[in-house]
């Protein structure tokens, strides 16, 4: 019999610690190798290696990006984590609430994560901060992924 509450608690603690000091491999301890990650602003990802690339882009754009766990709830192999992103966009601090739905193994490894948050406030901040335009362009984040595909296809 699986003690799901303990499995959930351990994953939530790892999630919080990873977002406290994020880097592309911060989440490796609890992501399966072929993890599926779905979220706004970044294309759908399959596998840790792709997550390393995309999270590296995100952290290059927002080096002070963090997220604090607000609450969580789980039932067997599904876990919901409510958290709040914080980062500086240009020169303006921003906070964005989010909820992650996580499908997990009995050992607490993430099979799939769907992140839910409204990216519009973030995009509006970028548009209002000229100092953020060049870093966003260089990052290749959505909606610039089409530009990234265009550059890749031309090479």
Foldseek 3Di string as FASTA:
>chain_A
DFPVVVLQVVLVVQVQVCLVQPALCSQVVAADQQAWEAEPFAHTDTGSVVSNLLVNLVCQLFVPKGKHWPDKDDDPQKIKTWIWIWTAQQNRIDIWIKIKIFGHDSNNHTRYIYIDTDCVVVVVSNVVHVSSVVSVCVSCTPPNVVVVVVVVVVD
